[in-house]
Amino acid sequence: MAAGSEDKPRVDPVQAEQHAAETLGITPGNREVNDNVVGRLFHQARDLESAGNLAGALEIFRSAYHFVKKDSPLEVELAAAIKGLEEKLYPPEPAKKGWRAVVGSKKFMISTAAAVAILAGSAFTVNQILAEKAESRQQEEAKLEAQRKAKAAEEARLKEQQAAEKKAEEERKKAEALKQEEERKKTEAARKKGCRSGKGQTGSRKSRTPGKI
């Protein structure tokens, strides 16, 4: 006999009775079966197990376990057989250790996918921000260039205005100087003419005065 197991196998009673009815002709719902019937199920399951049909053997073992007497040696053996086949058919997933366990975990994969999505969104956001900054910088540069040109044009206009005012002032001074020079010449000419006229009258008076004997 195989060693017993503390955990009782889980058996679907409806499925077990249906299987027994199909293979052995036992009426469903009739738990009054003898050890011979259970033994026949047990040997049938062993034959399927030897043939490699583990799933079929497991189902028959479960059917036999449903009809076996509780706390009997055959119950222990059936429980051990069921557990052995379940471990072969549904082996527990080996525990992963280290970085492989972390990488293989569902939580890590979800976190990684979320991180990728965040990074992709961040890259788009960064590119958008850079594009907006570049556009803003271009607009600012264009504004500064327009201000620089406007300032240069205003400075050029002021220089031209100052040059025109300076030239006009020089022309005015030059005209004023010419006018003053003409006035001076006229005054000088009138003075010289007056002097010549006075000398002529004096000489005429002297010639008319009688001389002394």
N, C-alpha and C. Protein backbone atom coordinates (compact mmCIF):
# COMPACT_ATOMS: atom_id res chain seq x y z
N MET A 1 0.83 -1.20 0.00
CA MET A 1 0.00 0.00 0.00
C MET A 1 0.87 1.26 0.00
N ALA A 2 0.38 2.31 -0.69
CA ALA A 2 1.13 3.56 -0.74
C ALA A 2 0.87 4.34 0.52
N ALA A 3 1.80 5.26 0.83
CA ALA A 3 1.66 6.09 2.02
C ALA A 3 0.45 6.98 1.88
N GLY A 4 -0.20 7.25 3.02
CA GLY A 4 -1.40 8.08 2.99
C GLY A 4 -1.09 9.54 2.87
N SER A 5 -2.13 10.32 2.57
CA SER A 5 -1.99 11.77 2.45
C SER A 5 -2.97 12.44 3.39
N GLU A 6 -2.54 13.50 4.01
CA GLU A 6 -3.40 14.20 4.94
C GLU A 6 -4.49 14.97 4.20
N ASP A 7 -4.18 15.43 2.95
CA ASP A 7 -5.16 16.21 2.18
C ASP A 7 -6.05 15.26 1.40
N LYS A 8 -7.35 15.41 1.56
CA LYS A 8 -8.30 14.58 0.85
C LYS A 8 -8.44 15.07 -0.59
N PRO A 9 -8.43 14.16 -1.57
CA PRO A 9 -8.61 14.58 -2.96
C PRO A 9 -9.98 15.18 -3.18
N ARG A 10 -10.05 16.14 -4.08
CA ARG A 10 -11.33 16.76 -4.42
C ARG A 10 -11.96 15.97 -5.56
N VAL A 11 -13.14 15.42 -5.32
CA VAL A 11 -13.82 14.57 -6.31
C VAL A 11 -15.21 15.13 -6.56
N ASP A 12 -15.56 15.22 -7.85
CA ASP A 12 -16.91 15.63 -8.23
C ASP A 12 -17.81 14.41 -8.12
N PRO A 13 -18.70 14.36 -7.14
CA PRO A 13 -19.51 13.16 -6.95
C PRO A 13 -20.40 12.85 -8.15
N VAL A 14 -20.96 13.84 -8.79
CA VAL A 14 -21.83 13.60 -9.95
C VAL A 14 -21.05 12.96 -11.08
N GLN A 15 -19.87 13.52 -11.35
CA GLN A 15 -19.03 12.97 -12.42
C GLN A 15 -18.55 11.56 -12.08
N ALA A 16 -18.22 11.32 -10.79
CA ALA A 16 -17.74 10.01 -10.36
C ALA A 16 -18.81 8.95 -10.53
N GLU A 17 -20.03 9.25 -10.11
CA GLU A 17 -21.12 8.29 -10.22
C GLU A 17 -21.49 8.05 -11.68
N GLN A 18 -21.44 9.11 -12.49
CA GLN A 18 -21.75 8.96 -13.91
C GLN A 18 -20.72 8.06 -14.59
N HIS A 19 -19.44 8.25 -14.22
CA HIS A 19 -18.39 7.42 -14.81
C HIS A 19 -18.54 5.95 -14.38
N ALA A 20 -18.86 5.73 -13.10
CA ALA A 20 -19.05 4.36 -12.62
C ALA A 20 -20.24 3.71 -13.29
N ALA A 21 -21.28 4.49 -13.53
CA ALA A 21 -22.46 3.94 -14.20
C ALA A 21 -22.15 3.54 -15.64
N GLU A 22 -21.30 4.35 -16.30
CA GLU A 22 -20.98 4.06 -17.70
C GLU A 22 -20.04 2.87 -17.83
N THR A 23 -19.09 2.73 -16.91
CA THR A 23 -18.08 1.68 -17.03
C THR A 23 -18.45 0.38 -16.33
N LEU A 24 -19.14 0.49 -15.19
CA LEU A 24 -19.43 -0.70 -14.39
C LEU A 24 -20.92 -0.99 -14.26
N GLY A 25 -21.75 -0.11 -14.76
CA GLY A 25 -23.18 -0.34 -14.68
C GLY A 25 -23.75 -0.06 -13.32
N ILE A 26 -23.09 0.72 -12.50
CA ILE A 26 -23.59 1.05 -11.17
C ILE A 26 -24.62 2.16 -11.31
N THR A 27 -25.71 2.04 -10.61
CA THR A 27 -26.77 3.03 -10.67
C THR A 27 -26.29 4.32 -10.01
N PRO A 28 -26.40 5.48 -10.74
CA PRO A 28 -25.99 6.75 -10.13
C PRO A 28 -26.74 7.01 -8.85
N GLY A 29 -26.03 7.54 -7.85
CA GLY A 29 -26.62 7.83 -6.56
C GLY A 29 -26.58 6.67 -5.60
N ASN A 30 -26.10 5.53 -6.08
CA ASN A 30 -26.03 4.35 -5.21
C ASN A 30 -24.63 4.23 -4.65
N ARG A 31 -24.49 4.54 -3.36
CA ARG A 31 -23.18 4.43 -2.72
C ARG A 31 -22.94 3.04 -2.17
N GLU A 32 -23.90 2.15 -2.30
CA GLU A 32 -23.76 0.80 -1.74
C GLU A 32 -23.00 -0.08 -2.73
N VAL A 33 -21.71 0.08 -2.79
CA VAL A 33 -20.85 -0.74 -3.64
C VAL A 33 -19.85 -1.46 -2.75
N ASN A 34 -19.33 -2.58 -3.22
CA ASN A 34 -18.40 -3.33 -2.41
C ASN A 34 -16.97 -3.05 -2.83
N ASP A 35 -16.06 -3.60 -2.08
CA ASP A 35 -14.65 -3.38 -2.37
C ASP A 35 -14.26 -3.95 -3.72
N ASN A 36 -14.97 -4.94 -4.18
CA ASN A 36 -14.65 -5.54 -5.47
C ASN A 36 -14.85 -4.54 -6.59
N VAL A 37 -15.93 -3.76 -6.52
CA VAL A 37 -16.19 -2.74 -7.55
C VAL A 37 -15.12 -1.66 -7.49
N VAL A 38 -14.78 -1.23 -6.29
CA VAL A 38 -13.73 -0.22 -6.14
C VAL A 38 -12.41 -0.76 -6.66
N GLY A 39 -12.14 -2.05 -6.38
CA GLY A 39 -10.91 -2.66 -6.86
C GLY A 39 -10.85 -2.72 -8.37
N ARG A 40 -12.01 -3.02 -9.00
CA ARG A 40 -12.04 -3.05 -10.46
C ARG A 40 -11.73 -1.66 -11.04
N LEU A 41 -12.30 -0.63 -10.42
CA LEU A 41 -11.98 0.74 -10.86
C LEU A 41 -10.51 1.06 -10.66
N PHE A 42 -9.98 0.61 -9.53
CA PHE A 42 -8.57 0.87 -9.21
C PHE A 42 -7.66 0.25 -10.26
N HIS A 43 -7.93 -1.04 -10.60
CA HIS A 43 -7.08 -1.72 -11.58
C HIS A 43 -7.26 -1.13 -12.99
N GLN A 44 -8.46 -0.70 -13.30
CA GLN A 44 -8.70 -0.06 -14.59
C GLN A 44 -7.89 1.23 -14.71
N ALA A 45 -7.86 1.97 -13.60
CA ALA A 45 -7.09 3.22 -13.60
C ALA A 45 -5.60 2.93 -13.72
N ARG A 46 -5.12 1.87 -13.06
CA ARG A 46 -3.71 1.52 -13.16
C ARG A 46 -3.34 1.14 -14.59
N ASP A 47 -4.24 0.42 -15.27
CA ASP A 47 -3.97 0.04 -16.65
C ASP A 47 -3.85 1.27 -17.56
N LEU A 48 -4.74 2.24 -17.35
CA LEU A 48 -4.67 3.47 -18.15
C LEU A 48 -3.39 4.25 -17.84
N GLU A 49 -3.00 4.23 -16.55
CA GLU A 49 -1.77 4.92 -16.16
C GLU A 49 -0.56 4.28 -16.81
N SER A 50 -0.55 2.95 -16.85
CA SER A 50 0.57 2.23 -17.48
C SER A 50 0.61 2.49 -18.98
N ALA A 51 -0.58 2.70 -19.58
CA ALA A 51 -0.65 2.96 -21.02
C ALA A 51 -0.32 4.41 -21.35
N GLY A 52 -0.12 5.22 -20.33
CA GLY A 52 0.24 6.62 -20.56
C GLY A 52 -0.94 7.57 -20.56
N ASN A 53 -2.15 7.04 -20.36
CA ASN A 53 -3.34 7.89 -20.31
C ASN A 53 -3.54 8.38 -18.87
N LEU A 54 -2.75 9.35 -18.50
CA LEU A 54 -2.77 9.82 -17.11
C LEU A 54 -4.08 10.53 -16.77
N ALA A 55 -4.59 11.31 -17.72
CA ALA A 55 -5.83 12.04 -17.44
C ALA A 55 -6.98 11.07 -17.23
N GLY A 56 -7.07 10.01 -18.08
CA GLY A 56 -8.13 9.02 -17.91
C GLY A 56 -7.98 8.25 -16.61
N ALA A 57 -6.75 7.89 -16.28
CA ALA A 57 -6.51 7.17 -15.03
C ALA A 57 -6.91 8.02 -13.83
N LEU A 58 -6.64 9.33 -13.91
CA LEU A 58 -6.98 10.22 -12.80
C LEU A 58 -8.48 10.27 -12.58
N GLU A 59 -9.25 10.33 -13.67
CA GLU A 59 -10.70 10.38 -13.55
C GLU A 59 -11.25 9.11 -12.91
N ILE A 60 -10.70 7.94 -13.30
CA ILE A 60 -11.19 6.68 -12.73
C ILE A 60 -10.78 6.56 -11.26
N PHE A 61 -9.57 6.99 -10.93
CA PHE A 61 -9.15 6.99 -9.52
C PHE A 61 -10.10 7.85 -8.69
N ARG A 62 -10.50 8.99 -9.23
CA ARG A 62 -11.41 9.86 -8.50
C ARG A 62 -12.79 9.20 -8.33
N SER A 63 -13.22 8.50 -9.41
CA SER A 63 -14.51 7.78 -9.29
C SER A 63 -14.43 6.71 -8.23
N ALA A 64 -13.34 5.95 -8.20
CA ALA A 64 -13.18 4.90 -7.19
C ALA A 64 -13.12 5.50 -5.79
N TYR A 65 -12.45 6.66 -5.67
CA TYR A 65 -12.33 7.30 -4.36
C TYR A 65 -13.70 7.73 -3.84
N HIS A 66 -14.58 8.06 -4.76
CA HIS A 66 -15.92 8.49 -4.35
C HIS A 66 -16.68 7.34 -3.68
N PHE A 67 -16.41 6.09 -4.12
CA PHE A 67 -17.16 4.94 -3.59
C PHE A 67 -16.42 4.18 -2.49
N VAL A 68 -15.12 4.47 -2.27
CA VAL A 68 -14.36 3.70 -1.31
C VAL A 68 -14.83 3.99 0.12
N LYS A 69 -14.64 3.04 0.99
CA LYS A 69 -15.00 3.22 2.39
C LYS A 69 -14.04 4.20 3.05
N LYS A 70 -14.60 5.09 3.82
CA LYS A 70 -13.79 6.12 4.46
C LYS A 70 -12.86 5.50 5.50
N ASP A 71 -11.66 6.08 5.55
CA ASP A 71 -10.62 5.67 6.50
C ASP A 71 -10.16 4.23 6.29
N SER A 72 -10.38 3.69 5.10
CA SER A 72 -9.90 2.35 4.79
C SER A 72 -8.54 2.44 4.14
N PRO A 73 -7.75 1.33 4.17
CA PRO A 73 -6.44 1.34 3.51
C PRO A 73 -6.55 1.67 2.02
N LEU A 74 -7.64 1.20 1.38
CA LEU A 74 -7.80 1.47 -0.05
C LEU A 74 -8.04 2.96 -0.30
N GLU A 75 -8.70 3.63 0.63
CA GLU A 75 -8.90 5.07 0.49
C GLU A 75 -7.56 5.80 0.51
N VAL A 76 -6.69 5.34 1.42
CA VAL A 76 -5.36 5.95 1.51
C VAL A 76 -4.59 5.75 0.22
N GLU A 77 -4.66 4.54 -0.32
CA GLU A 77 -3.92 4.25 -1.56
C GLU A 77 -4.49 5.04 -2.73
N LEU A 78 -5.82 5.15 -2.81
CA LEU A 78 -6.44 5.93 -3.88
C LEU A 78 -6.07 7.41 -3.77
N ALA A 79 -6.06 7.92 -2.53
CA ALA A 79 -5.69 9.32 -2.33
C ALA A 79 -4.26 9.58 -2.78
N ALA A 80 -3.36 8.62 -2.47
CA ALA A 80 -1.97 8.78 -2.88
C ALA A 80 -1.84 8.71 -4.40
N ALA A 81 -2.61 7.80 -5.03
CA ALA A 81 -2.56 7.68 -6.49
C ALA A 81 -3.07 8.95 -7.16
N ILE A 82 -4.18 9.48 -6.63
CA ILE A 82 -4.74 10.73 -7.20
C ILE A 82 -3.75 11.88 -7.06
N LYS A 83 -3.14 12.00 -5.90
CA LYS A 83 -2.17 13.09 -5.68
C LYS A 83 -0.98 12.96 -6.61
N GLY A 84 -0.50 11.70 -6.80
CA GLY A 84 0.66 11.51 -7.68
C GLY A 84 0.36 11.90 -9.11
N LEU A 85 -0.84 11.51 -9.61
CA LEU A 85 -1.20 11.87 -10.98
C LEU A 85 -1.45 13.36 -11.13
N GLU A 86 -2.04 13.98 -10.13
CA GLU A 86 -2.25 15.43 -10.19
C GLU A 86 -0.92 16.18 -10.25
N GLU A 87 0.07 15.69 -9.51
CA GLU A 87 1.39 16.34 -9.54
C GLU A 87 2.06 16.17 -10.89
N LYS A 88 1.80 14.99 -11.55
CA LYS A 88 2.38 14.77 -12.88
C LYS A 88 1.67 15.61 -13.94
N LEU A 89 0.35 15.65 -13.85
CA LEU A 89 -0.42 16.39 -14.85
C LEU A 89 -0.39 17.90 -14.62
N TYR A 90 -0.38 18.31 -13.38
CA TYR A 90 -0.40 19.74 -13.06
C TYR A 90 0.73 20.06 -12.09
N PRO A 91 1.97 19.97 -12.57
CA PRO A 91 3.11 20.25 -11.68
C PRO A 91 3.10 21.70 -11.24
N PRO A 92 3.46 21.96 -10.01
CA PRO A 92 3.52 23.36 -9.53
C PRO A 92 4.60 24.12 -10.26
N GLU A 93 4.33 25.37 -10.53
CA GLU A 93 5.30 26.21 -11.23
C GLU A 93 6.51 26.44 -10.34
N PRO A 94 7.70 26.14 -10.84
CA PRO A 94 8.90 26.34 -10.01
C PRO A 94 9.08 27.78 -9.62
N ALA A 95 9.44 27.97 -8.37
CA ALA A 95 9.63 29.33 -7.87
C ALA A 95 10.86 29.95 -8.51
N LYS A 96 10.68 31.14 -9.05
CA LYS A 96 11.79 31.84 -9.67
C LYS A 96 12.50 32.70 -8.63
N LYS A 97 13.78 32.77 -8.77
CA LYS A 97 14.58 33.53 -7.81
C LYS A 97 15.36 34.63 -8.53
N GLY A 98 15.73 35.61 -7.74
CA GLY A 98 16.58 36.67 -8.26
C GLY A 98 15.86 37.53 -9.29
N TRP A 99 16.67 38.07 -10.22
CA TRP A 99 16.11 38.98 -11.22
C TRP A 99 15.18 38.28 -12.19
N ARG A 100 15.34 36.97 -12.40
CA ARG A 100 14.43 36.24 -13.28
C ARG A 100 13.01 36.24 -12.71
N ALA A 101 12.92 36.07 -11.39
CA ALA A 101 11.60 36.10 -10.76
C ALA A 101 10.97 37.47 -10.90
N VAL A 102 11.79 38.50 -10.74
CA VAL A 102 11.27 39.86 -10.84
C VAL A 102 10.83 40.15 -12.27
N VAL A 103 11.69 39.78 -13.24
CA VAL A 103 11.38 40.04 -14.65
C VAL A 103 10.17 39.24 -15.10
N GLY A 104 10.05 38.03 -14.61
CA GLY A 104 8.95 37.16 -15.04
C GLY A 104 7.65 37.42 -14.34
N SER A 105 7.65 38.22 -13.30
CA SER A 105 6.43 38.45 -12.56
C SER A 105 5.47 39.31 -13.35
N LYS A 106 4.18 39.04 -13.13
CA LYS A 106 3.14 39.80 -13.83
C LYS A 106 3.18 41.27 -13.43
N LYS A 107 3.44 41.48 -12.15
CA LYS A 107 3.51 42.86 -11.65
C LYS A 107 4.63 43.62 -12.34
N PHE A 108 5.77 42.94 -12.52
CA PHE A 108 6.90 43.61 -13.16
C PHE A 108 6.57 43.93 -14.62
N MET A 109 5.92 42.96 -15.30
CA MET A 109 5.59 43.19 -16.71
C MET A 109 4.59 44.33 -16.87
N ILE A 110 3.62 44.39 -15.93
CA ILE A 110 2.66 45.49 -15.99
C ILE A 110 3.36 46.82 -15.71
N SER A 111 4.25 46.80 -14.72
CA SER A 111 4.99 48.02 -14.39
C SER A 111 5.87 48.45 -15.55
N THR A 112 6.49 47.44 -16.20
CA THR A 112 7.34 47.76 -17.35
C THR A 112 6.54 48.36 -18.48
N ALA A 113 5.36 47.75 -18.76
CA ALA A 113 4.51 48.28 -19.82
C ALA A 113 4.06 49.70 -19.49
N ALA A 114 3.71 49.91 -18.22
CA ALA A 114 3.31 51.26 -17.80
C ALA A 114 4.46 52.24 -17.94
N ALA A 115 5.67 51.78 -17.57
CA ALA A 115 6.84 52.65 -17.68
C ALA A 115 7.12 53.01 -19.14
N VAL A 116 6.98 52.00 -20.02
CA VAL A 116 7.21 52.26 -21.45
C VAL A 116 6.20 53.28 -21.96
N ALA A 117 4.92 53.09 -21.53
CA ALA A 117 3.88 54.03 -21.95
C ALA A 117 4.18 55.43 -21.43
N ILE A 118 4.63 55.49 -20.17
CA ILE A 118 4.95 56.79 -19.59
C ILE A 118 6.12 57.43 -20.32
N LEU A 119 7.15 56.60 -20.61
CA LEU A 119 8.31 57.14 -21.32
C LEU A 119 7.93 57.62 -22.71
N ALA A 120 7.07 56.83 -23.38
CA ALA A 120 6.63 57.24 -24.72
C ALA A 120 5.86 58.55 -24.63
N GLY A 121 4.96 58.61 -23.62
CA GLY A 121 4.23 59.86 -23.44
C GLY A 121 5.14 61.00 -23.06
N SER A 122 6.14 60.71 -22.21
CA SER A 122 7.10 61.74 -21.81
C SER A 122 7.91 62.23 -23.00
N ALA A 123 8.33 61.28 -23.88
CA ALA A 123 9.10 61.66 -25.06
C ALA A 123 8.28 62.58 -25.95
N PHE A 124 6.98 62.23 -26.12
CA PHE A 124 6.11 63.08 -26.93
C PHE A 124 5.95 64.44 -26.29
N THR A 125 5.76 64.43 -24.96
CA THR A 125 5.60 65.70 -24.25
C THR A 125 6.86 66.54 -24.33
N VAL A 126 8.01 65.90 -24.16
CA VAL A 126 9.29 66.62 -24.25
C VAL A 126 9.47 67.21 -25.64
N ASN A 127 9.19 66.40 -26.68
CA ASN A 127 9.31 66.89 -28.04
C ASN A 127 8.37 68.07 -28.29
N GLN A 128 7.16 67.94 -27.75
CA GLN A 128 6.19 69.02 -27.91
C GLN A 128 6.67 70.28 -27.21
N ILE A 129 7.20 70.10 -26.00
CA ILE A 129 7.71 71.25 -25.25
C ILE A 129 8.88 71.91 -25.98
N LEU A 130 9.80 71.06 -26.50
CA LEU A 130 10.94 71.59 -27.24
C LEU A 130 10.49 72.33 -28.48
N ALA A 131 9.48 71.76 -29.18
CA ALA A 131 8.97 72.41 -30.38
C ALA A 131 8.34 73.76 -30.03
N GLU A 132 7.58 73.78 -28.93
CA GLU A 132 6.95 75.03 -28.50
C GLU A 132 8.01 76.05 -28.10
N LYS A 133 9.06 75.57 -27.41
CA LYS A 133 10.14 76.48 -27.02
C LYS A 133 10.86 77.03 -28.24
N ALA A 134 11.11 76.15 -29.24
CA ALA A 134 11.78 76.59 -30.46
C ALA A 134 10.93 77.62 -31.18
N GLU A 135 9.62 77.35 -31.25
CA GLU A 135 8.72 78.31 -31.91
C GLU A 135 8.69 79.62 -31.14
N SER A 136 8.62 79.53 -29.81
CA SER A 136 8.61 80.73 -28.99
C SER A 136 9.91 81.51 -29.14
N ARG A 137 11.04 80.75 -29.21
CA ARG A 137 12.33 81.41 -29.38
C ARG A 137 12.41 82.12 -30.73
N GLN A 138 11.88 81.47 -31.78
CA GLN A 138 11.88 82.08 -33.10
C GLN A 138 11.02 83.34 -33.10
N GLN A 139 9.86 83.27 -32.45
CA GLN A 139 9.00 84.44 -32.38
C GLN A 139 9.68 85.57 -31.61
N GLU A 140 10.35 85.21 -30.52
CA GLU A 140 11.06 86.22 -29.73
C GLU A 140 12.20 86.84 -30.53
N GLU A 141 12.93 86.00 -31.26
CA GLU A 141 14.01 86.51 -32.09
C GLU A 141 13.49 87.42 -33.19
N ALA A 142 12.36 87.02 -33.80
CA ALA A 142 11.75 87.85 -34.84
C ALA A 142 11.30 89.20 -34.26
N LYS A 143 10.74 89.15 -33.03
CA LYS A 143 10.31 90.38 -32.38
C LYS A 143 11.50 91.28 -32.07
N LEU A 144 12.57 90.68 -31.55
CA LEU A 144 13.78 91.45 -31.25
C LEU A 144 14.39 92.04 -32.52
N GLU A 145 14.37 91.25 -33.60
CA GLU A 145 14.91 91.74 -34.88
C GLU A 145 14.09 92.91 -35.39
N ALA A 146 12.76 92.81 -35.26
CA ALA A 146 11.90 93.91 -35.69
C ALA A 146 12.16 95.16 -34.85
N GLN A 147 12.34 94.96 -33.52
CA GLN A 147 12.64 96.10 -32.65
C GLN A 147 13.99 96.71 -32.99
N ARG A 148 14.96 95.83 -33.31
CA ARG A 148 16.28 96.33 -33.66
C ARG A 148 16.23 97.16 -34.94
N LYS A 149 15.50 96.67 -35.93
CA LYS A 149 15.37 97.39 -37.20
C LYS A 149 14.64 98.72 -36.99
N ALA A 150 13.59 98.70 -36.16
CA ALA A 150 12.84 99.92 -35.89
C ALA A 150 13.73 100.95 -35.19
N LYS A 151 14.55 100.46 -34.24
CA LYS A 151 15.46 101.35 -33.54
C LYS A 151 16.51 101.93 -34.47
N ALA A 152 17.04 101.07 -35.35
CA ALA A 152 18.04 101.54 -36.31
C ALA A 152 17.45 102.57 -37.25
N ALA A 153 16.20 102.31 -37.69
CA ALA A 153 15.54 103.26 -38.59
C ALA A 153 15.30 104.59 -37.88
N GLU A 154 14.91 104.54 -36.60
CA GLU A 154 14.67 105.77 -35.83
C GLU A 154 15.98 106.53 -35.62
N GLU A 155 17.06 105.80 -35.33
CA GLU A 155 18.35 106.46 -35.18
C GLU A 155 18.80 107.10 -36.48
N ALA A 156 18.59 106.41 -37.59
CA ALA A 156 18.96 106.97 -38.89
C ALA A 156 18.13 108.22 -39.20
N ARG A 157 16.85 108.18 -38.86
CA ARG A 157 15.98 109.35 -39.10
C ARG A 157 16.43 110.53 -38.26
N LEU A 158 16.79 110.26 -36.98
CA LEU A 158 17.26 111.33 -36.11
C LEU A 158 18.57 111.93 -36.62
N LYS A 159 19.46 111.05 -37.10
CA LYS A 159 20.73 111.55 -37.65
C LYS A 159 20.49 112.42 -38.86
N GLU A 160 19.60 111.99 -39.73
CA GLU A 160 19.29 112.79 -40.92
C GLU A 160 18.66 114.12 -40.53
N GLN A 161 17.76 114.06 -39.53
CA GLN A 161 17.13 115.30 -39.08
C GLN A 161 18.15 116.25 -38.47
N GLN A 162 19.04 115.68 -37.64
CA GLN A 162 20.07 116.51 -37.03
C GLN A 162 21.01 117.11 -38.09
N ALA A 163 21.35 116.27 -39.09
CA ALA A 163 22.22 116.76 -40.16
C ALA A 163 21.54 117.88 -40.94
N ALA A 164 20.23 117.70 -41.21
CA ALA A 164 19.49 118.73 -41.93
C ALA A 164 19.40 120.01 -41.12
N GLU A 165 19.14 119.88 -39.81
CA GLU A 165 19.06 121.05 -38.94
C GLU A 165 20.41 121.75 -38.85
N LYS A 166 21.49 120.95 -38.78
CA LYS A 166 22.83 121.54 -38.71
C LYS A 166 23.16 122.29 -40.00
N LYS A 167 22.81 121.68 -41.12
CA LYS A 167 23.07 122.32 -42.42
C LYS A 167 22.26 123.60 -42.56
N ALA A 168 21.00 123.53 -42.13
CA ALA A 168 20.15 124.72 -42.21
C ALA A 168 20.70 125.83 -41.31
N GLU A 169 21.19 125.43 -40.12
CA GLU A 169 21.78 126.43 -39.22
C GLU A 169 23.03 127.05 -39.82
N GLU A 170 23.84 126.22 -40.46
CA GLU A 170 25.05 126.75 -41.12
C GLU A 170 24.68 127.68 -42.27
N GLU A 171 23.67 127.33 -43.04
CA GLU A 171 23.22 128.19 -44.15
C GLU A 171 22.70 129.52 -43.62
N ARG A 172 21.93 129.42 -42.47
CA ARG A 172 21.39 130.65 -41.89
C ARG A 172 22.51 131.57 -41.41
N LYS A 173 23.51 130.94 -40.72
CA LYS A 173 24.64 131.74 -40.24
C LYS A 173 25.41 132.34 -41.40
N LYS A 174 25.58 131.56 -42.45
CA LYS A 174 26.31 132.06 -43.62
C LYS A 174 25.58 133.22 -44.26
N ALA A 175 24.25 133.10 -44.38
CA ALA A 175 23.46 134.18 -44.97
C ALA A 175 23.50 135.42 -44.08
N GLU A 176 23.45 135.18 -42.77
CA GLU A 176 23.51 136.30 -41.84
C GLU A 176 24.85 137.02 -41.93
N ALA A 177 25.92 136.23 -42.07
CA ALA A 177 27.25 136.82 -42.20
C ALA A 177 27.36 137.62 -43.48
N LEU A 178 26.83 137.11 -44.57
CA LEU A 178 26.85 137.84 -45.85
C LEU A 178 26.06 139.15 -45.74
N LYS A 179 24.92 139.06 -45.06
CA LYS A 179 24.09 140.25 -44.91
C LYS A 179 24.83 141.31 -44.09
N GLN A 180 25.45 140.83 -43.00
CA GLN A 180 26.21 141.77 -42.17
C GLN A 180 27.38 142.38 -42.94
N GLU A 181 28.03 141.55 -43.78
CA GLU A 181 29.15 142.05 -44.59
C GLU A 181 28.67 143.09 -45.59
N GLU A 182 27.51 142.86 -46.19
CA GLU A 182 26.96 143.83 -47.14
C GLU A 182 26.60 145.14 -46.43
N GLU A 183 26.00 144.99 -45.24
CA GLU A 183 25.65 146.19 -44.47
C GLU A 183 26.91 146.97 -44.09
N ARG A 184 27.95 146.21 -43.72
CA ARG A 184 29.20 146.89 -43.36
C ARG A 184 29.79 147.62 -44.55
N LYS A 185 29.74 146.97 -45.69
CA LYS A 185 30.29 147.60 -46.91
C LYS A 185 29.50 148.83 -47.29
N LYS A 186 28.18 148.74 -47.17
CA LYS A 186 27.34 149.91 -47.49
C LYS A 186 27.66 151.06 -46.54
N THR A 187 27.78 150.73 -45.27
CA THR A 187 28.08 151.77 -44.28
C THR A 187 29.45 152.40 -44.55
N GLU A 188 30.42 151.55 -44.89
CA GLU A 188 31.79 152.05 -45.18
C GLU A 188 31.78 152.92 -46.42
N ALA A 189 31.03 152.50 -47.42
CA ALA A 189 30.97 153.28 -48.67
C ALA A 189 30.31 154.62 -48.42
N ALA A 190 29.23 154.62 -47.63
CA ALA A 190 28.54 155.89 -47.34
C ALA A 190 29.45 156.82 -46.53
N ARG A 191 30.22 156.24 -45.63
CA ARG A 191 31.12 157.08 -44.83
C ARG A 191 32.20 157.70 -45.69
N LYS A 192 32.80 156.88 -46.58
CA LYS A 192 33.84 157.41 -47.45
C LYS A 192 33.29 158.49 -48.37
N LYS A 193 32.09 158.31 -48.83
CA LYS A 193 31.48 159.30 -49.72
C LYS A 193 31.24 160.61 -48.97
N GLY A 194 30.83 160.51 -47.74
CA GLY A 194 30.58 161.71 -46.95
C GLY A 194 31.88 162.45 -46.68
N CYS A 195 32.97 161.72 -46.49
CA CYS A 195 34.27 162.35 -46.25
C CYS A 195 34.75 163.11 -47.48
N ARG A 196 34.59 162.55 -48.63
CA ARG A 196 35.03 163.19 -49.87
C ARG A 196 34.21 164.43 -50.14
N SER A 197 32.97 164.40 -49.83
CA SER A 197 32.10 165.55 -50.05
C SER A 197 32.47 166.70 -49.12
N GLY A 198 32.84 166.43 -47.90
CA GLY A 198 33.21 167.47 -46.94
C GLY A 198 34.52 168.11 -47.31
N LYS A 199 35.48 167.39 -47.82
CA LYS A 199 36.76 167.94 -48.23
C LYS A 199 36.60 168.87 -49.42
N GLY A 200 35.74 168.58 -50.32
CA GLY A 200 35.52 169.42 -51.51
C GLY A 200 34.95 170.76 -51.13
N GLN A 201 34.04 170.81 -50.22
CA GLN A 201 33.43 172.06 -49.79
C GLN A 201 34.45 172.93 -49.07
N THR A 202 35.35 172.37 -48.30
CA THR A 202 36.37 173.14 -47.57
C THR A 202 37.34 173.79 -48.53
N GLY A 203 37.75 173.12 -49.57
CA GLY A 203 38.68 173.67 -50.55
C GLY A 203 38.05 174.80 -51.34
N SER A 204 36.80 174.72 -51.58
CA SER A 204 36.09 175.76 -52.33
C SER A 204 36.02 177.02 -51.52
N ARG A 205 35.82 176.96 -50.25
CA ARG A 205 35.74 178.14 -49.40
C ARG A 205 37.11 178.81 -49.32
N LYS A 206 38.17 178.02 -49.28
CA LYS A 206 39.52 178.61 -49.22
C LYS A 206 39.87 179.35 -50.48
N SER A 207 39.45 178.93 -51.58
CA SER A 207 39.81 179.59 -52.82
C SER A 207 39.09 180.89 -52.98
N ARG A 208 37.98 181.09 -52.36
CA ARG A 208 37.22 182.34 -52.48
C ARG A 208 37.65 183.39 -51.44
N THR A 209 38.50 183.09 -50.46
CA THR A 209 38.94 184.05 -49.42
C THR A 209 40.08 184.90 -49.98
N PRO A 210 39.96 186.37 -49.88
CA PRO A 210 41.07 187.21 -50.44
C PRO A 210 42.35 187.06 -49.64
N GLY A 211 43.46 187.19 -50.36
CA GLY A 211 44.76 187.01 -49.70
C GLY A 211 45.22 188.31 -49.03
N LYS A 212 46.07 188.22 -48.07
CA LYS A 212 46.60 189.38 -47.35
C LYS A 212 47.82 189.91 -48.10
N ILE A 213 48.03 191.50 -48.05
CA ILE A 213 49.17 192.17 -48.65
C ILE A 213 50.26 192.26 -47.62
